[in-house]
Amino acid sequence: MKKERGFSLMELMIVLIILGLLGSLVAPKLFSKVSSSKKKTAVAQMQMFETAIDTYRLDMGRVPSKLEELVSSDAANWDGPYLPKAIPLDPWGKPYVYNIPGNNNRAYTMLSYGLDGKEGGEGENEDVVHQ
């Protein structure tokens, strides 16, 4: 009789169990990195908005009443667009919140409410604020 080559069912089960254990150890660390990278993305986008708002303020003498004015406007002295594309959504797929006047006697406050889209929260639901 010719002996067939291959893996036995027991060997395959051991390999699958080892892969499952490795996945259960690595996956939580990877998912926590996704959350922190979304927060960093939100901060980077808000810094980009800040630069565009500062340029708009130099041209117009005031901050825009809404973020969309950074892309298009009919106002006199408007020398935009101040952003190359339309206003992006935050990393969680929701619009950024832009308040005039801002907190602490600032001209504006910009923030993202995080994953839940509600004020406050912890972890991935925590607000990302840029003033």
N, C-alpha and C. Protein backbone atom coordinates (compact mmCIF):
# COMPACT_ATOMS: atom_id res chain seq x y z
N MET A 1 0.82 -1.18 0.00
CA MET A 1 0.00 0.00 0.00
C MET A 1 0.86 1.25 0.00
N LYS A 2 0.40 2.22 -0.72
CA LYS A 2 1.12 3.47 -0.79
C LYS A 2 0.68 4.37 0.36
N LYS A 3 1.65 4.89 1.11
CA LYS A 3 1.34 5.74 2.26
C LYS A 3 1.13 7.17 1.77
N GLU A 4 -0.01 7.79 2.14
CA GLU A 4 -0.31 9.15 1.73
C GLU A 4 0.34 10.14 2.67
N ARG A 5 0.79 11.27 2.08
CA ARG A 5 1.40 12.32 2.88
C ARG A 5 0.36 13.38 3.19
N GLY A 6 0.57 14.10 4.28
CA GLY A 6 -0.34 15.18 4.66
C GLY A 6 -0.36 15.32 6.17
N PHE A 7 -1.22 16.24 6.61
CA PHE A 7 -1.34 16.49 8.04
C PHE A 7 -2.52 15.72 8.58
N SER A 8 -2.39 15.26 9.81
CA SER A 8 -3.51 14.58 10.44
C SER A 8 -4.47 15.63 10.99
N LEU A 9 -5.66 15.21 11.32
CA LEU A 9 -6.66 16.11 11.89
C LEU A 9 -6.17 16.70 13.21
N MET A 10 -5.47 15.91 13.99
CA MET A 10 -4.95 16.38 15.28
C MET A 10 -3.92 17.49 15.07
N GLU A 11 -3.05 17.36 14.10
CA GLU A 11 -2.05 18.40 13.83
C GLU A 11 -2.72 19.70 13.37
N LEU A 12 -3.72 19.60 12.51
CA LEU A 12 -4.44 20.77 12.06
C LEU A 12 -5.16 21.46 13.22
N MET A 13 -5.76 20.69 14.12
CA MET A 13 -6.46 21.27 15.27
C MET A 13 -5.48 22.01 16.18
N ILE A 14 -4.31 21.48 16.40
CA ILE A 14 -3.30 22.13 17.25
C ILE A 14 -2.87 23.46 16.64
N VAL A 15 -2.64 23.47 15.33
CA VAL A 15 -2.25 24.71 14.65
C VAL A 15 -3.37 25.75 14.76
N LEU A 16 -4.62 25.36 14.56
CA LEU A 16 -5.74 26.29 14.66
C LEU A 16 -5.88 26.84 16.09
N ILE A 17 -5.67 26.02 17.08
CA ILE A 17 -5.75 26.48 18.48
C ILE A 17 -4.65 27.48 18.77
N ILE A 18 -3.45 27.22 18.30
CA ILE A 18 -2.33 28.15 18.50
C ILE A 18 -2.61 29.48 17.81
N LEU A 19 -3.11 29.45 16.58
CA LEU A 19 -3.44 30.68 15.86
C LEU A 19 -4.55 31.45 16.58
N GLY A 20 -5.54 30.75 17.11
CA GLY A 20 -6.61 31.39 17.86
C GLY A 20 -6.10 32.08 19.11
N LEU A 21 -5.19 31.43 19.83
CA LEU A 21 -4.61 32.02 21.03
C LEU A 21 -3.79 33.25 20.70
N LEU A 22 -2.99 33.18 19.63
CA LEU A 22 -2.21 34.34 19.22
C LEU A 22 -3.12 35.50 18.81
N GLY A 23 -4.18 35.19 18.09
CA GLY A 23 -5.12 36.23 17.68
C GLY A 23 -5.81 36.89 18.86
N SER A 24 -6.14 36.11 19.87
CA SER A 24 -6.81 36.69 21.05
C SER A 24 -5.87 37.56 21.86
N LEU A 25 -4.57 37.34 21.76
CA LEU A 25 -3.61 38.18 22.47
C LEU A 25 -3.28 39.45 21.70
N VAL A 26 -3.23 39.37 20.38
CA VAL A 26 -2.80 40.50 19.55
C VAL A 26 -3.95 41.44 19.21
N ALA A 27 -5.14 40.93 18.96
CA ALA A 27 -6.27 41.74 18.49
C ALA A 27 -6.62 42.90 19.41
N PRO A 28 -6.72 42.72 20.73
CA PRO A 28 -7.07 43.87 21.58
C PRO A 28 -6.07 45.02 21.49
N LYS A 29 -4.79 44.70 21.36
CA LYS A 29 -3.78 45.75 21.23
C LYS A 29 -3.93 46.50 19.92
N LEU A 30 -4.24 45.79 18.85
CA LEU A 30 -4.43 46.42 17.56
C LEU A 30 -5.65 47.33 17.56
N PHE A 31 -6.75 46.89 18.18
CA PHE A 31 -7.97 47.70 18.19
C PHE A 31 -7.80 48.95 19.04
N SER A 32 -6.98 48.91 20.08
CA SER A 32 -6.75 50.12 20.87
C SER A 32 -5.94 51.13 20.06
N LYS A 33 -5.08 50.66 19.17
CA LYS A 33 -4.32 51.56 18.30
C LYS A 33 -5.22 52.24 17.29
N VAL A 34 -6.26 51.56 16.82
CA VAL A 34 -7.20 52.16 15.88
C VAL A 34 -7.89 53.35 16.53
N SER A 35 -8.30 53.20 17.78
CA SER A 35 -8.97 54.28 18.50
C SER A 35 -8.06 55.50 18.65
N SER A 36 -6.81 55.29 19.06
CA SER A 36 -5.91 56.42 19.26
C SER A 36 -5.53 57.06 17.91
N SER A 37 -5.47 56.27 16.85
CA SER A 37 -5.15 56.86 15.55
C SER A 37 -6.30 57.72 15.03
N LYS A 38 -7.53 57.37 15.36
CA LYS A 38 -8.67 58.21 14.96
C LYS A 38 -8.62 59.55 15.69
N LYS A 39 -8.26 59.54 16.95
CA LYS A 39 -8.15 60.80 17.70
C LYS A 39 -7.03 61.66 17.11
N LYS A 40 -5.92 61.04 16.76
CA LYS A 40 -4.82 61.79 16.16
C LYS A 40 -5.21 62.35 14.80
N THR A 41 -5.99 61.60 14.04
CA THR A 41 -6.47 62.08 12.75
C THR A 41 -7.38 63.29 12.94
N ALA A 42 -8.26 63.24 13.93
CA ALA A 42 -9.16 64.36 14.20
C ALA A 42 -8.36 65.61 14.57
N VAL A 43 -7.35 65.45 15.42
CA VAL A 43 -6.51 66.60 15.81
C VAL A 43 -5.78 67.16 14.60
N ALA A 44 -5.24 66.30 13.75
CA ALA A 44 -4.52 66.76 12.56
C ALA A 44 -5.45 67.52 11.61
N GLN A 45 -6.67 67.02 11.42
CA GLN A 45 -7.61 67.72 10.55
C GLN A 45 -8.00 69.07 11.14
N MET A 46 -8.19 69.12 12.45
CA MET A 46 -8.56 70.40 13.07
C MET A 46 -7.41 71.40 13.00
N GLN A 47 -6.18 70.93 13.05
CA GLN A 47 -5.03 71.83 12.87
C GLN A 47 -4.99 72.38 11.45
N MET A 48 -5.37 71.55 10.48
CA MET A 48 -5.45 72.00 9.10
C MET A 48 -6.53 73.08 8.97
N PHE A 49 -7.67 72.85 9.61
CA PHE A 49 -8.74 73.86 9.62
C PHE A 49 -8.25 75.16 10.26
N GLU A 50 -7.49 75.04 11.34
CA GLU A 50 -7.00 76.22 12.04
C GLU A 50 -6.13 77.08 11.12
N THR A 51 -5.26 76.44 10.36
CA THR A 51 -4.42 77.17 9.42
C THR A 51 -5.27 77.87 8.37
N ALA A 52 -6.28 77.17 7.84
CA ALA A 52 -7.16 77.76 6.84
C ALA A 52 -7.97 78.91 7.44
N ILE A 53 -8.43 78.77 8.68
CA ILE A 53 -9.20 79.82 9.35
C ILE A 53 -8.33 81.05 9.58
N ASP A 54 -7.07 80.83 9.97
CA ASP A 54 -6.16 81.97 10.18
C ASP A 54 -5.93 82.74 8.87
N THR A 55 -5.77 82.03 7.78
CA THR A 55 -5.59 82.68 6.48
C THR A 55 -6.85 83.42 6.08
N TYR A 56 -8.00 82.81 6.30
CA TYR A 56 -9.29 83.45 6.02
C TYR A 56 -9.41 84.74 6.85
N ARG A 57 -9.04 84.67 8.13
CA ARG A 57 -9.14 85.83 9.01
C ARG A 57 -8.24 86.97 8.53
N LEU A 58 -7.06 86.64 8.01
CA LEU A 58 -6.17 87.68 7.47
C LEU A 58 -6.81 88.38 6.26
N ASP A 59 -7.48 87.61 5.40
CA ASP A 59 -8.10 88.18 4.21
C ASP A 59 -9.39 88.93 4.53
N MET A 60 -10.20 88.37 5.39
CA MET A 60 -11.55 88.88 5.62
C MET A 60 -11.69 89.76 6.86
N GLY A 61 -10.75 89.67 7.78
CA GLY A 61 -10.84 90.45 9.02
C GLY A 61 -11.74 89.84 10.07
N ARG A 62 -12.17 88.62 9.85
CA ARG A 62 -13.03 87.91 10.80
C ARG A 62 -12.89 86.41 10.55
N VAL A 63 -13.33 85.62 11.50
CA VAL A 63 -13.33 84.17 11.28
C VAL A 63 -14.59 83.82 10.49
N PRO A 64 -14.57 82.71 9.77
CA PRO A 64 -15.77 82.34 9.01
C PRO A 64 -16.93 81.99 9.94
N SER A 65 -18.14 82.28 9.51
CA SER A 65 -19.31 81.95 10.32
C SER A 65 -19.61 80.45 10.29
N LYS A 66 -19.14 79.77 9.26
CA LYS A 66 -19.26 78.31 9.16
C LYS A 66 -18.07 77.80 8.37
N LEU A 67 -17.69 76.55 8.59
CA LEU A 67 -16.49 75.99 7.97
C LEU A 67 -16.59 75.95 6.44
N GLU A 68 -17.79 75.85 5.90
CA GLU A 68 -17.96 75.77 4.45
C GLU A 68 -17.45 77.03 3.75
N GLU A 69 -17.37 78.16 4.47
CA GLU A 69 -16.84 79.39 3.87
C GLU A 69 -15.36 79.28 3.54
N LEU A 70 -14.69 78.27 4.07
CA LEU A 70 -13.28 78.05 3.73
C LEU A 70 -13.13 77.49 2.32
N VAL A 71 -14.20 76.89 1.80
CA VAL A 71 -14.16 76.27 0.48
C VAL A 71 -14.77 77.17 -0.59
N SER A 72 -15.88 77.83 -0.26
CA SER A 72 -16.50 78.73 -1.23
C SER A 72 -17.29 79.81 -0.50
N SER A 73 -17.29 81.02 -1.12
CA SER A 73 -18.01 82.15 -0.55
C SER A 73 -18.17 83.23 -1.62
N ASP A 74 -19.21 84.03 -1.47
CA ASP A 74 -19.44 85.15 -2.37
C ASP A 74 -19.02 86.47 -1.74
N ALA A 75 -18.45 86.42 -0.54
CA ALA A 75 -18.09 87.64 0.19
C ALA A 75 -16.95 88.39 -0.50
N ALA A 76 -16.97 89.71 -0.34
CA ALA A 76 -15.89 90.54 -0.88
C ALA A 76 -14.59 90.22 -0.14
N ASN A 77 -13.46 90.36 -0.82
CA ASN A 77 -12.12 90.07 -0.28
C ASN A 77 -11.84 88.60 -0.08
N TRP A 78 -12.80 87.73 -0.42
CA TRP A 78 -12.57 86.29 -0.26
C TRP A 78 -11.55 85.87 -1.30
N ASP A 79 -10.44 85.28 -0.85
CA ASP A 79 -9.36 84.91 -1.76
C ASP A 79 -9.10 83.41 -1.69
N GLY A 80 -10.15 82.64 -1.53
CA GLY A 80 -10.02 81.20 -1.36
C GLY A 80 -10.07 80.46 -2.67
N PRO A 81 -10.19 79.19 -2.63
CA PRO A 81 -10.51 78.40 -1.45
C PRO A 81 -9.31 78.23 -0.51
N TYR A 82 -9.63 78.17 0.76
CA TYR A 82 -8.60 78.04 1.79
C TYR A 82 -8.32 76.59 2.13
N LEU A 83 -9.18 75.70 1.66
CA LEU A 83 -8.97 74.25 1.76
C LEU A 83 -9.05 73.67 0.36
N PRO A 84 -8.23 72.66 0.03
CA PRO A 84 -8.23 72.12 -1.33
C PRO A 84 -9.47 71.31 -1.69
N LYS A 85 -10.18 70.79 -0.69
CA LYS A 85 -11.36 69.95 -0.95
C LYS A 85 -12.47 70.37 0.00
N ALA A 86 -13.60 69.73 -0.14
CA ALA A 86 -14.74 69.97 0.76
C ALA A 86 -14.36 69.61 2.20
N ILE A 87 -15.09 70.17 3.13
CA ILE A 87 -14.83 69.91 4.55
C ILE A 87 -15.03 68.42 4.83
N PRO A 88 -14.00 67.72 5.31
CA PRO A 88 -14.17 66.29 5.57
C PRO A 88 -14.95 66.05 6.86
N LEU A 89 -15.54 64.87 6.95
CA LEU A 89 -16.17 64.45 8.19
C LEU A 89 -15.08 64.03 9.16
N ASP A 90 -15.41 63.96 10.45
CA ASP A 90 -14.42 63.49 11.42
C ASP A 90 -14.16 62.00 11.19
N PRO A 91 -13.17 61.42 11.84
CA PRO A 91 -12.84 60.01 11.59
C PRO A 91 -13.96 59.03 11.92
N TRP A 92 -14.98 59.47 12.65
CA TRP A 92 -16.12 58.62 12.98
C TRP A 92 -17.29 58.85 12.04
N GLY A 93 -17.08 59.66 11.00
CA GLY A 93 -18.11 59.87 9.99
C GLY A 93 -19.15 60.93 10.33
N LYS A 94 -18.84 61.80 11.28
CA LYS A 94 -19.77 62.85 11.69
C LYS A 94 -19.15 64.22 11.41
N PRO A 95 -19.97 65.25 11.21
CA PRO A 95 -19.40 66.57 10.96
C PRO A 95 -18.72 67.15 12.20
N TYR A 96 -17.68 67.95 11.98
CA TYR A 96 -17.03 68.65 13.08
C TYR A 96 -17.97 69.73 13.61
N VAL A 97 -17.84 70.02 14.89
CA VAL A 97 -18.64 71.08 15.51
C VAL A 97 -17.77 72.33 15.56
N TYR A 98 -18.31 73.43 15.05
CA TYR A 98 -17.57 74.70 14.95
C TYR A 98 -18.43 75.76 15.63
N ASN A 99 -17.96 76.29 16.76
CA ASN A 99 -18.73 77.26 17.53
C ASN A 99 -18.06 78.62 17.53
N ILE A 100 -18.88 79.66 17.30
CA ILE A 100 -18.43 81.05 17.37
C ILE A 100 -19.35 81.77 18.34
N PRO A 101 -18.91 82.48 19.31
CA PRO A 101 -17.53 82.55 19.78
C PRO A 101 -17.16 81.25 20.48
N GLY A 102 -15.88 81.07 20.66
CA GLY A 102 -15.40 79.85 21.29
C GLY A 102 -15.38 79.94 22.80
N ASN A 103 -14.91 78.90 23.41
CA ASN A 103 -14.76 78.87 24.87
C ASN A 103 -13.56 79.69 25.31
N ASN A 104 -13.57 80.15 26.54
CA ASN A 104 -12.44 80.87 27.16
C ASN A 104 -12.02 82.11 26.36
N ASN A 105 -13.01 82.89 25.92
CA ASN A 105 -12.76 84.15 25.19
C ASN A 105 -11.98 83.95 23.90
N ARG A 106 -12.11 82.82 23.28
CA ARG A 106 -11.46 82.58 21.98
C ARG A 106 -12.45 82.90 20.86
N ALA A 107 -11.90 83.14 19.67
CA ALA A 107 -12.75 83.49 18.53
C ALA A 107 -13.64 82.32 18.11
N TYR A 108 -13.14 81.10 18.24
CA TYR A 108 -13.91 79.92 17.85
C TYR A 108 -13.42 78.71 18.61
N THR A 109 -14.23 77.68 18.63
CA THR A 109 -13.86 76.37 19.17
C THR A 109 -14.29 75.33 18.16
N MET A 110 -13.42 74.36 17.93
CA MET A 110 -13.72 73.29 17.01
C MET A 110 -13.58 71.98 17.76
N LEU A 111 -14.51 71.04 17.54
CA LEU A 111 -14.43 69.77 18.25
C LEU A 111 -15.14 68.67 17.50
N SER A 112 -14.83 67.46 17.92
CA SER A 112 -15.50 66.26 17.44
C SER A 112 -16.00 65.53 18.68
N TYR A 113 -17.23 65.04 18.63
CA TYR A 113 -17.80 64.36 19.79
C TYR A 113 -17.38 62.89 19.89
N GLY A 114 -16.54 62.42 19.02
CA GLY A 114 -16.06 61.04 19.10
C GLY A 114 -17.05 60.05 18.51
N LEU A 115 -16.89 58.80 18.87
CA LEU A 115 -17.66 57.71 18.27
C LEU A 115 -19.16 57.84 18.51
N ASP A 116 -19.57 58.20 19.72
CA ASP A 116 -21.00 58.24 20.03
C ASP A 116 -21.71 59.48 19.50
N GLY A 117 -20.96 60.51 19.08
CA GLY A 117 -21.56 61.72 18.54
C GLY A 117 -22.26 62.57 19.58
N LYS A 118 -21.99 62.30 20.87
CA LYS A 118 -22.61 63.05 21.96
C LYS A 118 -21.55 63.72 22.80
N GLU A 119 -21.92 64.81 23.43
CA GLU A 119 -20.99 65.54 24.28
C GLU A 119 -20.56 64.68 25.47
N GLY A 120 -19.26 64.78 25.82
CA GLY A 120 -18.73 64.00 26.94
C GLY A 120 -18.36 62.60 26.50
N GLY A 121 -18.07 61.77 27.45
CA GLY A 121 -17.74 60.39 27.16
C GLY A 121 -16.29 60.07 27.51
N GLU A 122 -15.99 58.79 27.47
CA GLU A 122 -14.65 58.31 27.77
C GLU A 122 -14.20 57.36 26.68
N GLY A 123 -12.91 57.14 26.62
CA GLY A 123 -12.36 56.22 25.62
C GLY A 123 -12.60 56.74 24.22
N GLU A 124 -13.18 55.90 23.36
CA GLU A 124 -13.42 56.29 21.97
C GLU A 124 -14.58 57.28 21.85
N ASN A 125 -15.39 57.39 22.90
CA ASN A 125 -16.51 58.35 22.91
C ASN A 125 -16.07 59.74 23.41
N GLU A 126 -14.82 59.87 23.83
CA GLU A 126 -14.33 61.13 24.39
C GLU A 126 -14.29 62.22 23.32
N ASP A 127 -14.65 63.43 23.74
CA ASP A 127 -14.61 64.58 22.82
C ASP A 127 -13.17 64.95 22.49
N VAL A 128 -12.93 65.32 21.25
CA VAL A 128 -11.62 65.83 20.82
C VAL A 128 -11.83 67.32 20.55
N VAL A 129 -11.19 68.17 21.37
CA VAL A 129 -11.41 69.61 21.30
C VAL A 129 -10.14 70.31 20.82
N HIS A 130 -10.33 71.30 19.92
CA HIS A 130 -9.21 72.11 19.44
C HIS A 130 -9.63 73.56 19.52
N GLN A 131 -8.85 74.37 20.25
CA GLN A 131 -9.19 75.79 20.41
C GLN A 131 -8.11 76.65 19.85
